Amino acid sequence: MRLPRIRIPLRGITGALCGIIATAFALGIAELVAALVRPQASPVITVGQSVIDATPTPVKEWAIAHFGFNDKLVLQSGILVILAIFAAIVGVIAVRRLLFGVIGVAIFGVVAIAAAASRPVAQLLDVLPAIAAAAAGAIALVVLVRALHRADLVSKTATLAGDTESDTASSDNVAKDSKQPQPESEQPGQSEHRELRSSPSRRSLLIAGSVFTGAAIATESVGRWLQGVLYNARASREAVKLPVPVDPAPPIPAGADLKLSGVTSYVTPNSTFYKVDTTLVVPQVRTQDWQLRIHGMVSEPITFSFDELLKLPMIERMITMTCVSNEVGDRLVGNATWLGVALGPLLKQRGISRKADQLVCRSVDGMTIGAPLAAIMDGRDALLAVGMNGEPLPFNNGFPARVVVPGLYGYCSACKWVVDMEATTFNAYDAYWVQRDWAKVAPIKASARIETPQPLSSQSQGRINVSGVAWAQHNGISKVEVKIDDGPWQQAELGTAMSKDVWRQWVYRWDAPPGFHRITARATDGDGQLQTADRAKPFPNGSSGWHNIVVTIE
């Protein structure tokens, strides 16, 4: 008795695999071509940046809150997963209708080309990686699918031959002695199965798949390696010798750093300073390639090089910076010593118009940040910075140059990798985040953050330190208070103030009784303004509300 055949949709699975291999090869070619154009032209990057630009603000804030500094990695991984699914579908379609599969690859190419061409700083050659990827993907898909069709044809032919021989053998066996077993080497269909496994068409399919897979890995690896070699500004940064400031930062006063266990260090190391931006590839700009143009509503426009910038008088200031995406109690805050040119006097020298009220700063990647000129020109230590904590700016923080304006959230002041400054008005131009309905001007709100004890932790009964940091740049912190459960507000001990642009550490020494307790902290700024209790999300001008935690005392 013959067993029924169980048909598994291997053809569709193989087709999907063909689509994925073809797409992987296309992306590898794209990375290789991008190495010859520029890394930002890679389709994964251009499409990813377009996705970031089109993402609604609540989704962006959710991503930052949940993924932190890994939000870009999650986005790129998501794009690759979606692309793999699309590639698999295109492969399945191509097995049935090759032309439709090629059209699917063309759609991918059109999307990538449109993304590359629509970037704010798009260059003519930026579309080449997308064009090359589409062509390579189409060629790979055609070769793989045709090899699959040839293998299918041999398979069908062998199956028909096996069925015919099996039927003939069965009829002959009826006429012969049914008890005489047929030699195993002559069982019906086995010779055809061996022929199918070793058929040239099947081998051609396996070879083609292996070749394109290997080529995808090789081109991707070589492309990334070339990008690292051709567009690496590390040597340029290492060669920078920062000038001695004409006005150095004062030393940290005694008592400013309370040196409390579990409290954020008074000065944030460069390696742990927060990084929030929209770029998927951190710009690598060599100092010899960098220029800054100052223009717009100024009487004396100018463009100067990095070497010319370093020859200008430099000042050094410790300034605490805060990201507008910082939720109540979150850690998108950092304190560093910055070295740079005083921005207000620099603009005044260029003859800035009194009618101008906005300085639009443009990054090398096309980001625009609009800063209020009133804040830059009012005498505060707004900087065109080149150094951070005694060394050239890290790449993540804007090397070769960036803007630092104390008292304003970064989205409306702190342009990294800055290459262009235009004096204009808020009525004339909306910068990137304002186009997405963020407030045009956003002063940093006073806030106190509890860092010890840890939320939901268990502590031993007795005296414990309730401690943390508080900030209210450009007003300073005059007081921090702590409340246990529904008790009265108790004033905390403050570290010595360095300046109104620098955060302050604080501690409240609590004799903790057993039980379940809620701890709340609030700050008062240097103008006597109490931190609001009203809870608000970061959008559109920064979060607000009192930070509170819950602990168990045993």
Protein backbone atom coordinates (compact mmCIF):
# COMPACT_ATOMS: atom_id res chain seq x y z
CA MET A 1 0.00 0.00 0.00
CA ARG A 2 1.36 3.46 -0.97
CA LEU A 3 1.40 6.18 1.69
CA PRO A 4 -0.24 9.48 0.73
CA ARG A 5 2.15 12.34 -0.09
CA ILE A 6 2.26 15.22 2.41
CA ARG A 7 2.86 18.44 0.48
CA ILE A 8 4.73 21.15 2.38
CA PRO A 9 4.71 24.66 0.84
CA LEU A 10 8.50 24.59 0.42
CA ARG A 11 8.20 26.65 -2.75
CA GLY A 12 6.75 29.61 -0.88
CA ILE A 13 9.30 29.31 1.92
CA THR A 14 12.13 29.12 -0.58
CA GLY A 15 10.70 32.12 -2.42
CA ALA A 16 10.60 34.14 0.80
CA LEU A 17 14.20 33.17 1.47
CA CYS A 18 15.14 34.29 -2.04
CA GLY A 19 13.56 37.67 -1.36
CA ILE A 20 15.42 38.09 1.93
CA ILE A 21 18.77 37.08 0.38
CA ALA A 22 18.23 39.48 -2.54
CA THR A 23 17.42 42.32 -0.13
CA ALA A 24 20.45 41.55 2.05
CA PHE A 25 22.62 41.70 -1.06
CA ALA A 26 20.99 45.00 -2.04
CA LEU A 27 21.71 46.51 1.38
CA GLY A 28 25.30 45.31 1.23
CA ILE A 29 25.79 46.99 -2.16
CA ALA A 30 24.15 50.13 -0.76
CA GLU A 31 26.62 50.26 2.15
CA LEU A 32 29.52 49.79 -0.27
CA VAL A 33 28.33 52.63 -2.52
CA ALA A 34 27.55 54.81 0.52
CA ALA A 35 31.19 54.45 1.51
CA LEU A 36 32.09 56.13 -1.78
CA VAL A 37 29.44 58.84 -1.38
CA ARG A 38 29.00 59.41 2.38
CA PRO A 39 27.63 57.25 5.23
CA GLN A 40 24.53 59.41 5.64
CA ALA A 41 23.43 58.34 2.13
CA SER A 42 22.87 54.72 3.19
CA PRO A 43 19.20 53.80 2.52
CA VAL A 44 18.78 52.46 6.05
CA ILE A 45 19.90 55.86 7.36
CA THR A 46 17.93 58.05 4.94
CA VAL A 47 14.74 56.04 5.41
CA GLY A 48 15.30 55.96 9.18
CA GLN A 49 15.81 59.72 9.35
CA SER A 50 12.64 60.24 7.31
CA VAL A 51 10.76 57.99 9.72
CA ILE A 52 12.08 60.05 12.66
CA ASP A 53 10.97 63.28 11.01
CA ALA A 54 7.50 61.89 10.33
CA THR A 55 7.02 60.31 13.76
CA PRO A 56 4.46 62.13 15.93
CA THR A 57 5.89 63.84 18.99
CA PRO A 58 4.11 61.58 21.54
CA VAL A 59 5.67 58.52 19.89
CA LYS A 60 9.14 60.11 20.01
CA GLU A 61 8.73 60.96 23.67
CA TRP A 62 7.52 57.44 24.40
CA ALA A 63 10.59 56.00 22.64
CA ILE A 64 12.98 58.22 24.58
CA ALA A 65 11.25 57.42 27.88
CA HIS A 66 11.28 53.65 27.31
CA PHE A 67 14.46 53.05 25.29
CA GLY A 68 16.61 55.98 26.42
CA PHE A 69 19.88 56.25 24.52
CA ASN A 70 19.00 53.03 22.63
CA ASP A 71 16.02 54.55 20.82
CA LYS A 72 17.94 54.84 17.51
CA LEU A 73 19.12 51.24 17.71
CA VAL A 74 15.54 50.10 18.28
CA LEU A 75 14.38 52.17 15.30
CA GLN A 76 17.00 50.76 12.94
CA SER A 77 16.28 47.23 14.13
CA GLY A 78 12.59 47.81 13.52
CA ILE A 79 13.26 49.10 10.01
CA LEU A 80 15.34 46.02 9.21
CA VAL A 81 12.65 43.68 10.55
CA ILE A 82 9.95 45.41 8.48
CA LEU A 83 12.24 45.33 5.44
CA ALA A 84 12.85 41.59 5.96
CA ILE A 85 9.09 40.95 6.07
CA PHE A 86 8.58 43.05 2.94
CA ALA A 87 11.43 41.18 1.23
CA ALA A 88 9.91 37.82 2.12
CA ILE A 89 6.56 38.86 0.68
CA VAL A 90 8.24 40.13 -2.50
CA GLY A 91 10.08 36.81 -2.79
CA VAL A 92 6.85 34.79 -2.49
CA ILE A 93 5.21 37.00 -5.12
CA ALA A 94 8.23 36.71 -7.42
CA VAL A 95 7.99 32.91 -7.41
CA ARG A 96 4.50 33.21 -8.90
CA ARG A 97 5.00 36.36 -10.99
CA LEU A 98 8.63 37.40 -11.38
CA LEU A 99 7.71 40.76 -12.89
CA PHE A 100 5.60 41.66 -9.85
CA GLY A 101 8.50 40.76 -7.59
CA VAL A 102 10.82 43.04 -9.53
CA ILE A 103 8.22 45.79 -9.23
CA GLY A 104 8.27 45.25 -5.47
CA VAL A 105 12.04 45.77 -5.46
CA ALA A 106 11.54 48.91 -7.55
CA ILE A 107 9.09 50.24 -4.96
CA PHE A 108 11.75 49.77 -2.30
CA GLY A 109 14.16 51.67 -4.51
CA VAL A 110 11.75 54.55 -5.10
CA VAL A 111 11.12 54.91 -1.35
CA ALA A 112 14.85 54.93 -0.63
CA ILE A 113 15.57 57.41 -3.43
CA ALA A 114 12.80 59.72 -2.23
CA ALA A 115 14.11 59.54 1.34
CA ALA A 116 17.64 60.38 0.23
CA ALA A 117 16.54 63.26 -1.98
CA SER A 118 14.29 64.78 0.69
CA ARG A 119 16.92 65.16 3.42
CA PRO A 120 17.57 68.79 4.42
CA VAL A 121 21.22 68.61 3.39
CA ALA A 122 20.74 66.21 0.47
CA GLN A 123 23.44 66.11 -2.18
CA LEU A 124 23.07 65.01 -5.78
CA LEU A 125 25.02 61.78 -5.28
CA ASP A 126 23.05 60.75 -2.18
CA VAL A 127 20.58 58.81 -4.36
CA LEU A 128 23.30 56.54 -5.78
CA PRO A 129 23.27 53.99 -2.91
CA ALA A 130 19.50 53.62 -3.26
CA ILE A 131 19.72 53.22 -7.04
CA ALA A 132 22.51 50.68 -6.71
CA ALA A 133 20.56 48.79 -4.05
CA ALA A 134 17.44 48.58 -6.20
CA ALA A 135 19.40 47.36 -9.23
CA ALA A 136 21.37 44.81 -7.21
CA GLY A 137 18.25 43.57 -5.46
CA ALA A 138 16.38 43.13 -8.74
CA ILE A 139 19.28 41.23 -10.36
CA ALA A 140 19.67 38.95 -7.34
CA LEU A 141 15.95 38.26 -7.16
CA VAL A 142 15.75 37.37 -10.87
CA VAL A 143 18.75 35.02 -10.68
CA LEU A 144 17.50 33.29 -7.52
CA VAL A 145 13.90 32.90 -8.66
CA ARG A 146 14.91 31.55 -12.08
CA ALA A 147 17.20 29.05 -10.38
CA LEU A 148 14.27 28.06 -8.18
CA HIS A 149 12.02 27.63 -11.22
CA ARG A 150 14.58 25.36 -12.89
CA ALA A 151 14.85 23.28 -9.72
CA ASP A 152 11.04 23.04 -9.55
CA LEU A 153 10.90 21.87 -13.17
CA VAL A 154 13.40 19.09 -12.51
CA SER A 155 11.52 18.16 -9.34
CA LYS A 156 8.21 17.90 -11.16
CA THR A 157 9.76 15.87 -13.99
CA ALA A 158 11.38 13.50 -11.54
CA THR A 159 8.15 13.12 -9.60
CA LEU A 160 6.18 12.27 -12.74
CA ALA A 161 8.84 9.77 -13.78
CA GLY A 162 8.80 8.22 -10.32
CA ASP A 163 5.00 7.90 -10.36
CA THR A 164 5.05 6.22 -13.79
CA GLU A 165 7.75 3.73 -12.81
CA SER A 166 6.00 3.02 -9.53
CA ASP A 167 2.74 2.22 -11.29
CA THR A 168 4.52 0.00 -13.82
CA ALA A 169 6.40 -1.78 -11.09
CA SER A 170 3.18 -2.41 -9.19
CA SER A 171 1.52 -4.01 -12.23
CA ASP A 172 4.53 -6.24 -12.85
CA ASN A 173 4.61 -7.29 -9.23
CA VAL A 174 0.97 -8.45 -9.42
CA ALA A 175 1.93 -10.84 -12.21
CA LYS A 176 4.96 -12.11 -10.28
CA ASP A 177 5.15 -13.79 -6.93
CA SER A 178 4.03 -11.05 -4.53
CA LYS A 179 6.05 -12.71 -1.76
CA GLN A 180 9.36 -12.11 -3.48
CA PRO A 181 10.72 -8.85 -2.08
CA GLN A 182 12.22 -6.40 -4.55
CA PRO A 183 15.85 -5.54 -3.84
CA GLU A 184 16.06 -2.38 -1.82
CA SER A 185 18.37 -0.83 -4.36
CA GLU A 186 15.57 -1.06 -6.90
CA GLN A 187 12.70 0.37 -4.83
CA PRO A 188 10.50 2.54 -7.08
CA GLY A 189 11.36 6.23 -7.22
CA GLN A 190 14.60 6.03 -5.20
CA SER A 191 16.83 6.54 -8.20
CA GLU A 192 14.82 9.63 -9.12
CA HIS A 193 15.12 11.03 -5.59
CA ARG A 194 18.88 10.60 -5.78
CA GLU A 195 18.81 12.28 -9.16
CA LEU A 196 16.76 15.17 -7.73
CA ARG A 197 19.11 15.66 -4.81
CA SER A 198 22.11 15.77 -7.10
CA SER A 199 20.47 17.54 -10.04
CA PRO A 200 22.43 20.43 -11.59
CA SER A 201 19.39 22.74 -11.22
CA ARG A 202 19.14 22.14 -7.49
CA ARG A 203 22.87 22.64 -7.11
CA SER A 204 22.61 25.87 -9.10
CA LEU A 205 19.97 27.20 -6.72
CA LEU A 206 22.06 26.37 -3.67
CA ILE A 207 25.16 27.88 -5.25
CA ALA A 208 23.32 31.06 -6.24
CA GLY A 209 21.87 31.45 -2.76
CA SER A 210 25.25 30.88 -1.16
CA VAL A 211 26.99 33.31 -3.51
CA PHE A 212 24.52 36.13 -2.91
CA THR A 213 24.51 35.51 0.85
CA GLY A 214 28.29 35.62 0.95
CA ALA A 215 28.32 38.70 -1.26
CA ALA A 216 25.82 40.40 1.04
CA ILE A 217 28.02 39.76 4.08
CA ALA A 218 31.18 40.80 2.23
CA THR A 219 29.81 44.04 0.74
CA GLU A 220 28.19 45.04 4.03
CA SER A 221 31.43 44.41 5.93
CA VAL A 222 33.66 46.13 3.39
CA GLY A 223 31.25 49.06 3.10
CA ARG A 224 31.15 49.61 6.87
CA TRP A 225 34.93 49.26 7.07
CA LEU A 226 35.47 51.80 4.31
CA GLN A 227 33.07 54.22 5.95
CA GLY A 228 35.02 53.91 9.17
CA VAL A 229 38.30 54.57 7.35
CA LEU A 230 37.22 57.33 4.97
CA TYR A 231 34.91 59.25 7.29
CA ASN A 232 36.62 58.89 10.66
CA ALA A 233 37.45 62.18 12.34
CA ARG A 234 39.10 60.58 15.38
CA ALA A 235 42.62 61.59 14.31
CA SER A 236 41.39 65.12 13.66
CA ARG A 237 39.91 65.37 17.15
CA GLU A 238 43.03 63.92 18.78
CA ALA A 239 45.15 66.56 17.03
CA VAL A 240 43.17 69.46 18.50
CA LYS A 241 45.02 71.51 21.10
CA LEU A 242 42.53 73.56 23.04
CA PRO A 243 43.61 77.13 23.78
CA VAL A 244 44.07 78.44 27.29
CA PRO A 245 40.95 80.41 28.24
CA VAL A 246 41.36 84.13 28.84
CA ASP A 247 38.67 83.76 31.49
CA PRO A 248 38.85 80.30 33.11
CA ALA A 249 36.07 78.75 35.14
CA PRO A 250 36.41 79.34 38.89
CA PRO A 251 37.30 76.30 40.98
CA ILE A 252 34.48 74.26 42.47
CA PRO A 253 33.80 75.85 45.87
CA ALA A 254 34.23 73.90 49.07
CA GLY A 255 30.99 72.23 50.08
CA ALA A 256 29.51 72.18 46.57
CA ASP A 257 30.16 68.47 46.18
CA LEU A 258 28.60 66.79 49.21
CA LYS A 259 30.21 63.47 48.23
CA LEU A 260 27.13 61.49 49.16
CA SER A 261 26.87 57.83 48.30
CA GLY A 262 24.42 57.21 45.50
CA VAL A 263 24.20 60.86 44.41
CA THR A 264 25.18 61.86 40.88
CA SER A 265 28.75 63.14 40.62
CA TYR A 266 28.99 66.91 40.71
CA VAL A 267 30.67 66.98 37.29
CA THR A 268 29.23 64.57 34.73
CA PRO A 269 31.93 62.57 32.89
CA ASN A 270 31.89 62.98 29.12
CA SER A 271 31.30 59.26 28.67
CA THR A 272 28.02 59.34 30.61
CA PHE A 273 26.71 62.74 29.57
CA TYR A 274 23.23 62.33 28.12
CA LYS A 275 22.78 62.18 24.34
CA VAL A 276 19.41 62.98 22.80
CA ASP A 277 19.15 63.94 19.13
CA THR A 278 17.54 62.77 15.90
CA THR A 279 20.63 61.59 14.02
CA LEU A 280 21.12 57.88 13.30
CA VAL A 281 24.78 58.34 12.40
CA VAL A 282 26.88 60.55 14.68
CA PRO A 283 28.50 63.11 12.34
CA GLN A 284 32.25 62.73 11.88
CA VAL A 285 33.49 66.17 10.85
CA ARG A 286 37.21 66.81 10.51
CA THR A 287 38.42 70.19 11.71
CA GLN A 288 40.01 70.94 8.32
CA ASP A 289 36.60 70.45 6.67
CA TRP A 290 34.61 72.49 9.21
CA GLN A 291 33.41 76.03 8.62
CA LEU A 292 30.93 78.25 10.41
CA ARG A 293 28.91 80.84 8.54
CA ILE A 294 27.27 83.73 10.38
CA HIS A 295 24.77 85.61 8.23
CA GLY A 296 21.21 86.88 8.00
CA MET A 297 20.29 90.08 9.82
CA VAL A 298 23.89 91.13 10.45
CA SER A 299 25.85 93.95 8.85
CA GLU A 300 29.07 91.93 8.56
CA PRO A 301 28.50 88.31 7.58
CA ILE A 302 31.49 86.04 8.05
CA THR A 303 32.65 82.48 7.47
CA PHE A 304 35.56 81.20 9.48
CA SER A 305 37.48 77.93 9.86
CA PHE A 306 38.14 75.89 12.98
CA ASP A 307 41.70 77.20 13.24
CA GLU A 308 40.35 80.76 13.06
CA LEU A 309 37.80 79.93 15.73
CA LEU A 310 40.49 78.67 18.10
CA LYS A 311 42.36 81.98 17.74
CA LEU A 312 39.40 83.90 19.19
CA PRO A 313 39.37 84.67 22.94
CA MET A 314 37.95 81.71 24.84
CA ILE A 315 36.13 81.60 28.14
CA GLU A 316 35.44 78.60 30.36
CA ARG A 317 32.25 78.02 32.32
CA MET A 318 30.59 75.21 34.26
CA ILE A 319 27.02 74.88 33.01
CA THR A 320 24.31 72.34 33.74
CA MET A 321 22.28 71.28 30.71
CA THR A 322 18.81 69.73 30.66
CA CYS A 323 16.97 67.96 27.84
CA VAL A 324 13.34 68.93 27.35
CA SER A 325 12.49 65.22 27.13
CA ASN A 326 13.49 64.77 30.76
CA GLU A 327 10.55 63.42 32.73
CA VAL A 328 10.12 64.31 36.39
CA GLY A 329 12.87 62.47 38.27
CA ASP A 330 14.61 61.32 35.08
CA ARG A 331 18.33 61.61 34.28
CA LEU A 332 18.57 63.59 31.04
CA VAL A 333 20.56 66.26 32.89
CA GLY A 334 24.32 66.76 32.99
CA ASN A 335 26.86 69.20 34.39
CA ALA A 336 30.13 69.95 32.60
CA THR A 337 32.83 72.58 32.18
CA TRP A 338 32.59 74.10 28.71
CA LEU A 339 35.26 76.01 26.78
CA GLY A 340 34.26 78.31 23.96
CA VAL A 341 33.80 81.76 22.48
CA ALA A 342 31.29 84.05 24.17
CA LEU A 343 28.45 84.00 21.64
CA GLY A 344 26.80 87.31 22.51
CA PRO A 345 29.91 89.46 21.93
CA LEU A 346 30.73 87.46 18.77
CA LEU A 347 27.32 88.30 17.27
CA LYS A 348 27.58 91.89 18.40
CA GLN A 349 30.86 92.22 16.50
CA ARG A 350 29.05 91.10 13.34
CA GLY A 351 26.59 93.97 13.68
CA ILE A 352 23.47 92.02 14.53
CA SER A 353 20.21 93.87 13.86
CA ARG A 354 18.03 94.95 16.74
CA LYS A 355 15.06 93.66 14.77
CA ALA A 356 16.38 90.10 14.88
CA ASP A 357 14.97 88.01 17.74
CA GLN A 358 16.02 84.47 16.74
CA LEU A 359 19.34 82.80 15.97
CA VAL A 360 18.71 79.78 13.76
CA CYS A 361 21.62 77.37 14.11
CA ARG A 362 22.05 74.62 11.54
CA SER A 363 23.85 71.36 12.12
CA VAL A 364 25.96 69.54 9.56
CA ASP A 365 23.13 66.97 9.33
CA GLY A 366 20.49 69.61 8.57
CA MET A 367 18.95 69.94 12.04
CA THR A 368 17.76 73.47 12.82
CA ILE A 369 17.64 74.88 16.35
CA GLY A 370 16.11 78.29 16.95
CA ALA A 371 17.45 80.13 20.01
CA PRO A 372 16.02 83.41 21.34
CA LEU A 373 18.55 86.19 20.81
CA ALA A 374 17.31 87.90 23.98
CA ALA A 375 18.82 85.06 26.02
CA ILE A 376 22.06 85.01 24.03
CA MET A 377 22.59 88.78 24.24
CA ASP A 378 21.54 89.42 27.86
CA GLY A 379 24.99 88.82 29.33
CA ARG A 380 24.67 85.16 30.33
CA ASP A 381 27.48 82.79 29.37
CA ALA A 382 26.14 81.60 26.03
CA LEU A 383 28.96 79.81 24.25
CA LEU A 384 30.08 78.60 20.87
CA ALA A 385 31.81 75.69 22.58
CA VAL A 386 34.76 73.61 21.41
CA GLY A 387 35.76 71.90 24.67
CA MET A 388 34.08 69.86 27.37
CA ASN A 389 35.64 68.92 30.71
CA GLY A 390 39.15 69.77 29.56
CA GLU A 391 39.13 67.99 26.21
CA PRO A 392 37.75 68.59 22.70
CA LEU A 393 34.03 67.98 22.45
CA PRO A 394 33.15 64.28 22.16
CA PHE A 395 31.56 63.32 18.85
CA ASN A 396 28.27 62.56 20.61
CA ASN A 397 28.27 66.06 22.07
CA GLY A 398 28.94 68.03 18.92
CA PHE A 399 32.61 67.94 17.84
CA PRO A 400 34.01 70.17 16.39
CA ALA A 401 31.70 72.90 17.74
CA ARG A 402 28.30 73.35 19.35
CA VAL A 403 26.14 75.95 21.05
CA VAL A 404 25.52 76.07 24.81
CA VAL A 405 23.02 78.56 26.26
CA PRO A 406 22.42 78.27 30.02
CA GLY A 407 18.81 78.42 31.12
CA LEU A 408 17.20 77.05 27.97
CA TYR A 409 16.27 73.48 27.11
CA GLY A 410 18.51 71.99 24.45
CA TYR A 411 15.88 71.81 21.71
CA CYS A 412 15.76 75.63 21.54
CA SER A 413 19.42 76.43 22.12
CA ALA A 414 21.96 73.60 22.04
CA CYS A 415 22.80 72.96 18.39
CA LYS A 416 25.46 70.26 18.04
CA TRP A 417 27.82 69.98 15.04
CA VAL A 418 26.88 73.56 14.20
CA VAL A 419 27.99 74.92 10.79
CA ASP A 420 25.61 77.82 10.19
CA MET A 421 24.10 80.66 12.23
CA GLU A 422 21.42 82.90 10.78
CA ALA A 423 20.08 85.95 12.57
CA THR A 424 16.37 86.19 11.78
CA THR A 425 12.98 86.48 13.48
CA PHE A 426 10.56 83.97 14.95
CA ASN A 427 7.91 85.25 12.55
CA ALA A 428 10.14 84.54 9.57
CA TYR A 429 11.22 80.99 10.36
CA ASP A 430 10.17 77.99 12.45
CA ALA A 431 13.00 75.66 13.44
CA TYR A 432 12.69 71.86 13.42
CA TRP A 433 10.99 71.36 16.78
CA VAL A 434 8.75 74.41 16.46
CA GLN A 435 7.46 72.94 13.19
CA ARG A 436 6.40 69.99 15.36
CA ASP A 437 4.47 72.23 17.77
CA TRP A 438 7.03 72.56 20.55
CA ALA A 439 7.18 75.98 22.19
CA LYS A 440 9.39 78.54 20.45
CA VAL A 441 11.10 79.48 23.71
CA ALA A 442 11.39 77.17 26.72
CA PRO A 443 13.25 78.29 29.87
CA ILE A 444 14.33 75.40 32.08
CA LYS A 445 11.91 74.76 34.95
CA ALA A 446 13.06 74.36 38.54
CA SER A 447 13.22 70.73 39.59
CA ALA A 448 14.47 68.58 42.47
CA ARG A 449 15.33 64.93 41.91
CA ILE A 450 15.51 62.27 44.63
CA GLU A 451 18.43 59.90 44.07
CA THR A 452 18.70 58.14 47.42
CA PRO A 453 17.08 56.01 48.64
CA GLN A 454 16.11 54.15 45.50
CA PRO A 455 12.40 53.92 44.65
CA LEU A 456 10.64 50.82 46.03
CA SER A 457 13.74 49.87 48.01
CA SER A 458 13.80 48.50 51.54
CA GLN A 459 15.89 50.38 54.12
CA SER A 460 16.83 49.66 57.70
CA GLN A 461 15.20 51.63 60.46
CA GLY A 462 17.20 54.65 61.64
CA ARG A 463 18.85 57.68 60.10
CA ILE A 464 19.14 57.60 56.31
CA ASN A 465 20.05 60.22 53.75
CA VAL A 466 17.32 61.44 51.45
CA SER A 467 19.43 63.18 48.83
CA GLY A 468 19.73 64.23 45.22
CA VAL A 469 20.27 67.22 42.93
CA ALA A 470 18.21 70.28 42.02
CA TRP A 471 18.51 72.69 39.09
CA ALA A 472 16.96 75.90 37.78
CA GLN A 473 19.41 77.33 35.26
CA HIS A 474 19.66 80.59 34.80
CA ASN A 475 17.93 81.44 38.12
CA GLY A 476 19.74 79.11 40.50
CA ILE A 477 18.43 77.10 43.46
CA SER A 478 17.81 78.75 46.82
CA LYS A 479 16.02 75.97 48.69
CA VAL A 480 15.05 72.28 48.57
CA GLU A 481 12.38 70.83 50.84
CA VAL A 482 11.42 67.25 51.65
CA LYS A 483 8.12 65.88 52.88
CA ILE A 484 7.58 62.42 54.41
CA ASP A 485 4.07 61.09 53.79
CA ASP A 486 1.60 63.85 54.75
CA GLY A 487 3.93 65.52 57.22
CA PRO A 488 5.28 69.06 57.08
CA TRP A 489 7.87 70.23 54.59
CA GLN A 490 11.41 70.04 55.99
CA GLN A 491 14.28 72.07 54.57
CA ALA A 492 17.18 70.06 53.18
CA GLU A 493 20.86 70.91 53.46
CA LEU A 494 22.18 72.42 50.20
CA GLY A 495 25.63 72.12 48.76
CA THR A 496 27.44 75.40 48.18
CA ALA A 497 26.27 77.21 45.06
CA MET A 498 28.86 77.58 42.30
CA SER A 499 26.70 79.72 40.03
CA LYS A 500 23.08 80.08 39.05
CA ASP A 501 23.80 77.99 35.95
CA VAL A 502 24.97 74.94 37.92
CA TRP A 503 22.89 72.38 39.77
CA ARG A 504 23.14 71.91 43.54
CA GLN A 505 23.32 68.74 45.55
CA TRP A 506 21.10 68.42 48.62
CA VAL A 507 20.49 66.07 51.54
CA TYR A 508 17.84 65.64 54.23
CA ARG A 509 18.85 63.38 57.11
CA TRP A 510 15.76 61.43 58.07
CA ASP A 511 15.21 59.35 61.18
CA ALA A 512 13.14 56.75 59.42
CA PRO A 513 10.51 54.80 61.40
CA PRO A 514 9.32 51.38 60.26
CA GLY A 515 6.61 51.23 57.68
CA PHE A 516 5.68 52.12 54.14
CA HIS A 517 6.55 55.76 53.31
CA ARG A 518 6.22 58.23 50.47
CA ILE A 519 9.01 60.81 50.09
CA THR A 520 8.45 64.01 48.08
CA ALA A 521 10.92 66.76 47.16
CA ARG A 522 10.46 70.25 45.74
CA ALA A 523 12.79 73.14 44.89
CA THR A 524 12.64 76.92 45.05
CA ASP A 525 14.67 78.89 42.52
CA GLY A 526 16.89 81.90 43.11
CA ASP A 527 14.03 84.31 42.43
CA GLY A 528 11.92 82.70 45.16
CA GLN A 529 9.68 80.88 42.67
CA LEU A 530 8.46 77.55 44.09
CA GLN A 531 8.57 74.54 41.80
CA THR A 532 5.04 73.82 40.64
CA ALA A 533 3.26 70.71 41.87
CA ASP A 534 1.25 70.44 38.64
CA ARG A 535 2.29 67.36 36.72
CA ALA A 536 3.00 67.91 33.02
CA LYS A 537 4.63 65.82 30.33
CA PRO A 538 7.68 67.17 28.47
CA PHE A 539 5.66 68.35 25.47
CA PRO A 540 5.49 71.24 24.61
CA ASN A 541 7.91 73.10 26.93
CA GLY A 542 9.28 70.70 29.54
CA SER A 543 7.92 68.47 32.29
CA SER A 544 6.85 69.69 35.70
CA GLY A 545 5.69 68.31 39.04
CA TRP A 546 7.19 67.18 42.33
CA HIS A 547 9.31 64.06 42.32
CA ASN A 548 8.23 61.43 44.83
CA ILE A 549 9.24 57.88 45.62
CA VAL A 550 7.99 55.07 47.86
CA VAL A 551 10.22 53.09 50.24
CA THR A 552 9.81 50.45 52.94
CA ILE A 553 11.56 50.90 56.28
CA GLU A 554 12.12 47.65 58.16
